[in-house]
Protein backbone atom coordinates (compact mmCIF):
# COMPACT_ATOMS: atom_id res chain seq x y z
CA MET A 1 53.33 182.55 304.70
CA THR A 2 51.48 181.92 307.78
CA ASP A 3 48.14 183.16 308.46
CA VAL A 4 48.29 185.76 311.07
CA LEU A 5 46.52 185.65 314.18
CA TYR A 6 44.16 189.06 314.62
CA LEU A 7 42.82 189.59 318.08
CA SER A 8 39.94 192.32 318.48
CA ALA A 9 39.21 194.82 321.14
CA ARG A 10 36.00 192.19 321.79
CA ASP A 11 38.29 189.41 321.64
CA ILE A 12 40.70 190.85 324.22
CA ASP A 13 37.87 191.87 326.03
CA ASP A 14 36.71 188.12 326.09
CA LEU A 15 39.32 186.30 327.19
CA GLY A 16 38.59 187.50 331.37
CA MET A 17 42.65 188.86 331.90
CA GLU A 18 42.42 189.34 335.41
CA ALA A 19 44.30 192.44 336.96
CA GLY A 20 46.21 190.33 339.29
CA ALA A 21 47.65 188.56 336.33
CA VAL A 22 48.43 191.23 333.95
CA ARG A 23 49.82 193.22 337.05
CA ARG A 24 52.74 190.38 337.38
CA ARG A 25 53.37 190.00 333.85
CA VAL A 26 54.08 193.99 334.05
CA VAL A 27 56.07 193.58 337.28
CA GLU A 28 58.10 190.73 335.30
CA VAL A 29 59.06 192.63 332.39
CA PHE A 30 60.63 195.52 334.29
CA ARG A 31 62.47 192.96 337.04
CA ALA A 32 63.88 191.30 333.27
CA ILE A 33 64.24 194.84 332.41
CA HIS A 34 66.14 195.55 335.13
CA ALA A 35 68.33 192.44 334.86
CA GLY A 36 69.31 193.63 331.05
CA GLU A 37 67.30 191.08 329.47
CA VAL A 38 65.24 193.21 327.41
CA VAL A 39 65.92 195.76 325.11
CA ALA A 40 63.04 198.37 325.32
CA PRO A 41 64.09 202.05 323.82
CA ALA A 42 62.36 205.06 324.32
CA LYS A 43 58.85 205.50 322.42
CA GLN A 44 59.27 207.82 319.05
CA VAL A 45 56.45 210.46 319.20
CA LEU A 46 55.88 212.59 316.25
CA ASP A 47 54.80 216.16 317.30
CA ILE A 48 52.10 217.34 314.85
CA GLY A 49 50.10 219.91 317.27
CA PRO A 50 48.79 220.17 321.19
CA GLY A 51 47.29 217.08 321.95
CA HIS A 52 47.77 215.89 318.30
CA SER A 53 50.76 213.51 317.51
CA PHE A 54 51.52 209.86 316.17
CA GLN A 55 53.84 207.34 318.40
CA SER A 56 55.62 204.28 317.91
CA LEU A 57 56.61 201.87 321.32
CA ALA A 58 58.68 198.87 320.66
CA ALA A 59 60.42 196.13 322.75
CA ALA A 60 62.19 192.59 322.23
CA TRP A 61 61.96 190.24 324.99
CA GLU A 62 64.21 186.90 324.53
CA ARG A 63 62.81 184.97 327.16
CA ALA A 64 59.53 185.60 326.58
CA GLY A 65 59.98 184.64 322.90
CA PHE A 66 58.60 188.29 322.05
CA ALA A 67 59.03 191.09 320.19
CA ALA A 68 56.29 193.74 319.17
CA CYS A 69 55.46 196.93 318.34
CA LYS A 70 52.82 199.29 318.83
CA TRP A 71 51.34 202.00 316.35
CA LEU A 72 48.62 204.72 317.70
CA GLY A 73 47.44 208.57 316.90
CA VAL A 74 46.70 210.77 319.54
CA ALA A 75 44.45 213.56 318.50
CA PRO A 76 42.68 215.78 321.16
CA VAL A 77 38.62 215.11 321.37
CA ALA A 78 36.19 217.63 322.65
CA PRO A 79 34.66 217.30 326.02
CA GLY A 80 31.82 215.21 325.94
CA SER A 81 32.69 213.80 323.00
CA ASP A 82 32.86 209.55 322.81
CA ALA A 83 35.72 209.12 320.50
CA PRO A 84 38.56 207.93 321.67
CA GLY A 85 41.47 210.44 321.95
CA VAL A 86 43.82 207.46 321.00
CA ASP A 87 43.77 205.09 319.07
CA ALA A 88 46.60 201.67 318.67
CA VAL A 89 47.51 198.99 316.90
CA ILE A 90 49.91 196.10 318.47
CA ALA A 91 52.42 193.54 315.96
CA LEU A 92 53.05 191.18 317.36
CA ASN A 93 56.58 189.10 316.42
CA ASP A 94 58.60 185.34 317.26
CA PHE A 95 61.64 186.76 318.91
CA GLU A 96 63.64 184.17 316.80
CA THR A 97 62.42 183.65 313.70
CA GLY A 98 60.87 187.44 313.46
CA ARG A 99 57.32 185.54 312.33
CA LEU A 100 54.58 187.88 312.71
CA LEU A 101 52.63 185.91 315.08
CA ALA A 102 49.39 188.62 315.76
CA LEU A 103 47.71 192.21 315.01
CA MET A 104 45.73 192.94 317.89
CA ASP A 105 43.37 195.83 318.46
CA GLY A 106 45.92 198.50 321.01
CA ASN A 107 43.69 200.13 322.81
CA VAL A 108 42.61 197.42 325.20
CA ILE A 109 45.63 196.45 325.55
CA THR A 110 47.24 199.94 326.57
CA GLY A 111 44.71 200.59 329.15
CA LEU A 112 45.68 197.18 330.39
CA ARG A 113 49.37 197.81 330.55
CA THR A 114 48.66 201.66 332.20
CA ALA A 115 46.69 200.21 334.86
CA ALA A 116 49.20 197.53 335.42
CA MET A 117 52.02 199.86 335.88
CA SER A 118 49.95 202.19 338.01
CA ALA A 119 49.32 199.27 339.85
CA ALA A 120 52.86 197.67 339.81
CA ALA A 121 54.26 201.61 341.15
CA ALA A 122 51.65 201.65 343.83
CA HIS A 123 52.68 198.07 345.24
CA TYR A 124 55.68 200.01 346.60
CA LEU A 125 54.24 203.75 347.19
CA ALA A 126 50.78 203.56 347.86
CA ALA A 127 50.08 203.10 351.76
CA PRO A 128 49.00 199.31 352.35
CA ASP A 129 45.24 200.24 354.46
CA SER A 130 44.40 203.11 351.35
CA ALA A 131 40.65 203.36 351.18
CA THR A 132 39.44 206.03 348.83
CA LEU A 133 40.71 206.31 346.05
CA GLY A 134 40.28 209.90 343.88
CA LEU A 135 39.77 210.03 339.82
CA ILE A 136 40.41 213.40 338.46
CA GLY A 137 39.54 212.30 334.19
CA CYS A 138 37.15 209.37 333.89
CA GLY A 139 37.37 207.81 330.91
CA LEU A 140 38.28 204.79 329.09
CA GLN A 141 41.84 204.59 330.89
CA ALA A 142 40.16 205.88 334.72
CA ARG A 143 37.70 202.73 334.64
CA THR A 144 40.23 200.32 333.98
CA HIS A 145 42.09 201.38 337.29
CA LEU A 146 39.61 200.02 339.32
CA SER A 147 40.13 196.55 339.72
CA ALA A 148 43.87 196.99 338.83
CA LEU A 149 44.31 198.47 341.77
CA ARG A 150 41.47 197.35 343.91
CA GLU A 151 43.94 193.92 343.56
CA VAL A 152 46.95 195.26 345.19
CA LEU A 153 45.38 197.58 347.64
CA PRO A 154 41.89 195.53 348.62
CA GLY A 155 41.15 197.97 351.55
CA LEU A 156 39.76 200.61 348.35
CA ARG A 157 36.05 200.90 348.71
CA THR A 158 35.27 204.41 348.04
CA ILE A 159 35.81 206.85 345.07
CA ARG A 160 35.81 210.50 344.65
CA ALA A 161 35.18 211.43 340.91
CA PHE A 162 35.63 214.92 338.93
CA SER A 163 35.51 215.19 335.04
CA ARG A 164 35.45 218.06 332.49
CA THR A 165 32.09 216.72 331.93
CA ARG A 166 29.90 216.22 334.76
CA ALA A 167 28.07 213.22 332.54
CA SER A 168 31.44 211.35 331.68
CA ALA A 169 31.91 211.15 335.78
CA GLU A 170 27.96 209.79 335.96
CA SER A 171 28.57 207.13 333.73
CA LEU A 172 31.57 205.59 335.58
CA ALA A 173 30.18 206.55 339.15
CA GLN A 174 27.13 204.01 337.70
CA ARG A 175 29.41 200.86 336.49
CA ALA A 176 31.84 201.66 339.42
CA ARG A 177 28.66 201.03 341.75
CA ALA A 178 27.62 198.07 339.95
CA ASP A 179 30.95 196.34 341.50
CA GLY A 180 30.50 197.20 344.30
CA TRP A 181 32.43 200.79 344.68
CA GLY A 182 30.44 203.54 346.80
CA VAL A 183 30.97 206.34 344.36
CA GLU A 184 30.98 210.34 345.32
CA VAL A 185 30.42 212.86 342.17
CA LEU A 186 32.21 216.21 342.80
CA ASP A 187 32.67 219.06 341.15
CA ASP A 188 35.93 220.37 342.61
CA PRO A 189 38.78 218.64 341.81
CA ARG A 190 40.65 219.99 344.84
CA GLU A 191 38.22 217.84 347.02
CA VAL A 192 38.93 215.23 345.09
CA VAL A 193 42.90 215.94 346.02
CA ALA A 194 42.71 216.95 349.23
CA HIS A 195 40.63 213.29 350.39
CA SER A 196 41.89 210.75 348.77
CA ASP A 197 44.58 208.10 349.01
CA VAL A 198 45.16 207.16 345.75
CA VAL A 199 44.97 209.58 342.46
CA VAL A 200 44.65 209.25 339.47
CA THR A 201 44.98 211.79 336.66
CA THR A 202 44.11 210.71 333.15
CA VAL A 203 44.01 214.53 331.47
CA PRO A 204 43.93 214.35 327.65
CA MET A 205 46.23 217.40 326.28
CA THR A 206 44.05 219.59 324.73
CA ALA A 207 44.77 223.57 323.30
CA GLY A 208 45.58 226.16 325.72
CA LEU A 209 45.55 223.54 328.86
CA GLU A 210 46.69 224.84 331.64
CA PRO A 211 47.62 222.86 334.90
CA PHE A 212 44.83 222.78 337.47
CA LEU A 213 46.21 220.61 340.19
CA ASP A 214 48.03 221.86 343.15
CA PRO A 215 50.39 218.48 344.48
CA ARG A 216 50.12 220.71 347.65
CA TRP A 217 46.80 219.43 348.43
CA LEU A 218 47.91 216.55 349.06
CA ARG A 219 47.10 214.69 351.94
CA PRO A 220 50.43 213.07 353.67
CA GLY A 221 50.93 209.72 352.74
CA ALA A 222 49.08 209.90 349.11
CA PHE A 223 50.02 208.38 346.48
CA VAL A 224 49.33 209.62 342.20
CA SER A 225 49.75 207.97 339.27
CA ALA A 226 49.89 210.69 336.83
CA VAL A 227 48.58 208.28 333.55
CA ASP A 228 48.47 212.13 332.11
CA ILE A 229 52.55 212.64 332.74
CA ALA A 230 51.84 215.06 334.98
CA ARG A 231 50.28 217.28 332.75
CA SER A 232 47.20 218.63 334.84
CA TRP A 233 49.61 219.13 338.33
CA ALA A 234 51.15 222.57 339.01
CA PRO A 235 54.75 221.22 338.57
CA GLU A 236 56.31 224.12 340.87
CA GLY A 237 54.89 221.75 343.69
CA LEU A 238 55.85 218.41 342.28
CA ARG A 239 59.32 219.35 344.14
CA GLU A 240 57.27 219.48 347.96
CA LEU A 241 56.42 215.56 347.08
CA ASP A 242 58.88 213.00 348.74
CA LEU A 243 59.17 210.40 345.92
CA VAL A 244 58.62 211.19 342.36
CA VAL A 245 58.91 208.32 340.15
CA THR A 246 59.01 207.19 336.32
CA ASP A 247 58.46 204.05 334.39
CA SER A 248 62.26 204.50 332.54
CA HIS A 249 64.97 207.02 333.20
CA GLU A 250 66.19 206.47 329.79
CA GLN A 251 62.63 207.67 328.58
CA ALA A 252 62.20 211.10 330.78
CA ALA A 253 65.78 212.12 329.96
CA LYS A 254 64.85 212.47 326.27
CA SER A 255 61.84 213.57 327.27
CA ALA A 256 60.21 217.47 328.26
CA PRO A 257 61.41 218.49 331.94
CA LEU A 258 57.94 218.40 334.42
CA SER A 259 59.25 221.59 334.69
CA THR A 260 62.13 224.60 334.61
CA ASP A 261 64.05 223.75 337.23
CA PHE A 262 62.62 219.96 337.49
CA GLY A 263 64.68 218.42 334.46
CA PRO A 264 64.11 214.92 333.41
CA SER A 265 67.84 213.18 334.55
CA GLY A 266 68.61 212.79 337.82
CA SER A 267 65.43 214.29 339.18
CA TYR A 268 63.65 210.96 339.95
CA HIS A 269 63.60 208.68 343.20
CA ALA A 270 63.90 205.87 341.08
CA ASP A 271 62.36 204.18 338.10
CA LEU A 272 60.12 201.34 337.75
CA SER A 273 62.58 199.00 336.46
CA GLU A 274 64.55 199.89 339.75
CA LEU A 275 62.22 199.18 342.54
CA CYS A 276 60.67 195.78 340.80
CA GLY A 277 64.25 194.65 340.61
CA GLY A 278 65.18 195.68 344.59
CA ALA A 279 67.66 198.06 343.17
CA LYS A 280 65.49 200.90 345.26
CA PRO A 281 63.36 201.41 348.08
CA GLY A 282 59.59 202.54 347.66
CA ARG A 283 57.73 204.19 350.87
CA SER A 284 59.71 204.22 354.05
CA ASP A 285 57.31 205.84 355.89
CA GLY A 286 53.62 206.49 356.00
CA ARG A 287 53.79 209.84 355.53
CA GLN A 288 56.08 210.67 352.71
CA ARG A 289 53.33 211.62 349.53
CA ALA A 290 54.45 209.94 346.62
CA ILE A 291 53.87 210.52 342.58
CA PHE A 292 54.46 208.29 339.02
CA VAL A 293 55.13 209.66 336.57
CA PHE A 294 55.13 207.86 333.05
CA ARG A 295 54.81 207.97 329.62
CA GLY A 296 53.95 204.32 328.72
CA LEU A 297 57.01 201.79 327.99
CA GLY A 298 56.54 199.48 324.77
CA ALA A 299 58.06 196.85 327.05
CA ALA A 300 55.23 196.39 328.95
CA ASP A 301 52.66 196.50 326.06
CA LEU A 302 54.94 193.36 324.48
CA ALA A 303 54.04 191.91 328.48
CA VAL A 304 50.19 192.17 328.17
CA ALA A 305 50.14 191.62 324.14
CA GLY A 306 52.32 188.76 325.13
CA ALA A 307 50.02 187.49 327.55
CA ALA A 308 46.66 187.97 325.84
CA TYR A 309 48.33 185.98 322.30
CA GLU A 310 48.86 182.50 324.87
CA ALA A 311 45.20 183.08 326.34
CA ALA A 312 44.21 183.73 322.93
CA ARG A 313 45.81 180.70 322.00
CA ALA A 314 45.23 178.78 324.34
CA ALA A 315 41.24 179.35 324.50
CA GLY A 316 41.59 178.28 320.85
CA CYS A 317 40.94 181.06 319.64
CA ALA A 318 41.06 181.37 315.15
CA ARG A 319 40.51 184.40 313.52
CA THR A 320 43.78 184.48 311.16
CA LEU A 321 44.76 187.21 308.33
CA SER A 322 46.07 185.40 305.10
CA ARG A 323 49.33 187.47 303.93
């Protein structure tokens, strides 16, 4: 059998995949979904307990020449712990022959594709002159959003950050300042939400977690990327937002509703494929408040994993696994 390319997290980091290129690849796959060119079922989830699950996300895209499956484990992490709450691996196959082409770390790919999805949504839903980025949660997912959002919203200059552990927020602040951001670490999440043009929430599920953010705190024109599936947001306030968008209507319909009176089907303004495909408009005036609530879709993992594979082959990466 042919050997399989292996890409570690460091290998993928060393490829230096540029945020704009990743976003464009993700937009391309969502346009292809809208055109019916991609097989992208809802993720499969094995629920074990609060914040504890195993998930598989699969997709196939003939035009790109790839199929992929991401397998990940999610487990509760104590505040302040350096342990990852998510651990993922991706298998990439040739679409035509079915041959396994590569195995790669899924954590870096997940960070890149999640930030790219947020940036793609921000292109349609955020105010173009947004200047302040609010972060609720300051781990890996938050860090990957910095370059991705600034690429699509170049006016972003200031970060307001809140984390369950101040040390995590200070660590992010140090990195962001080195990249030219102005950063203020705050102890009150309301101050972050109320004074930011763009808000990214990445709060992990833990036992006993209750929503602690109110959508009504958002200023006119604000955009939220709810990477945490809006678990940190009070559901009753979501009805008062002007635009609520998801990544996939099909996936939302198979998932738990955001609240008892905000169901998963028919309650969203659009999904990301409709925005990228031009079927639905994004923001139509400067005062609309919008939120992107998404669970992650295997097609986005496929798009970024395929790009990483192509970049690695072009760079001559030669580490392989024998079969």
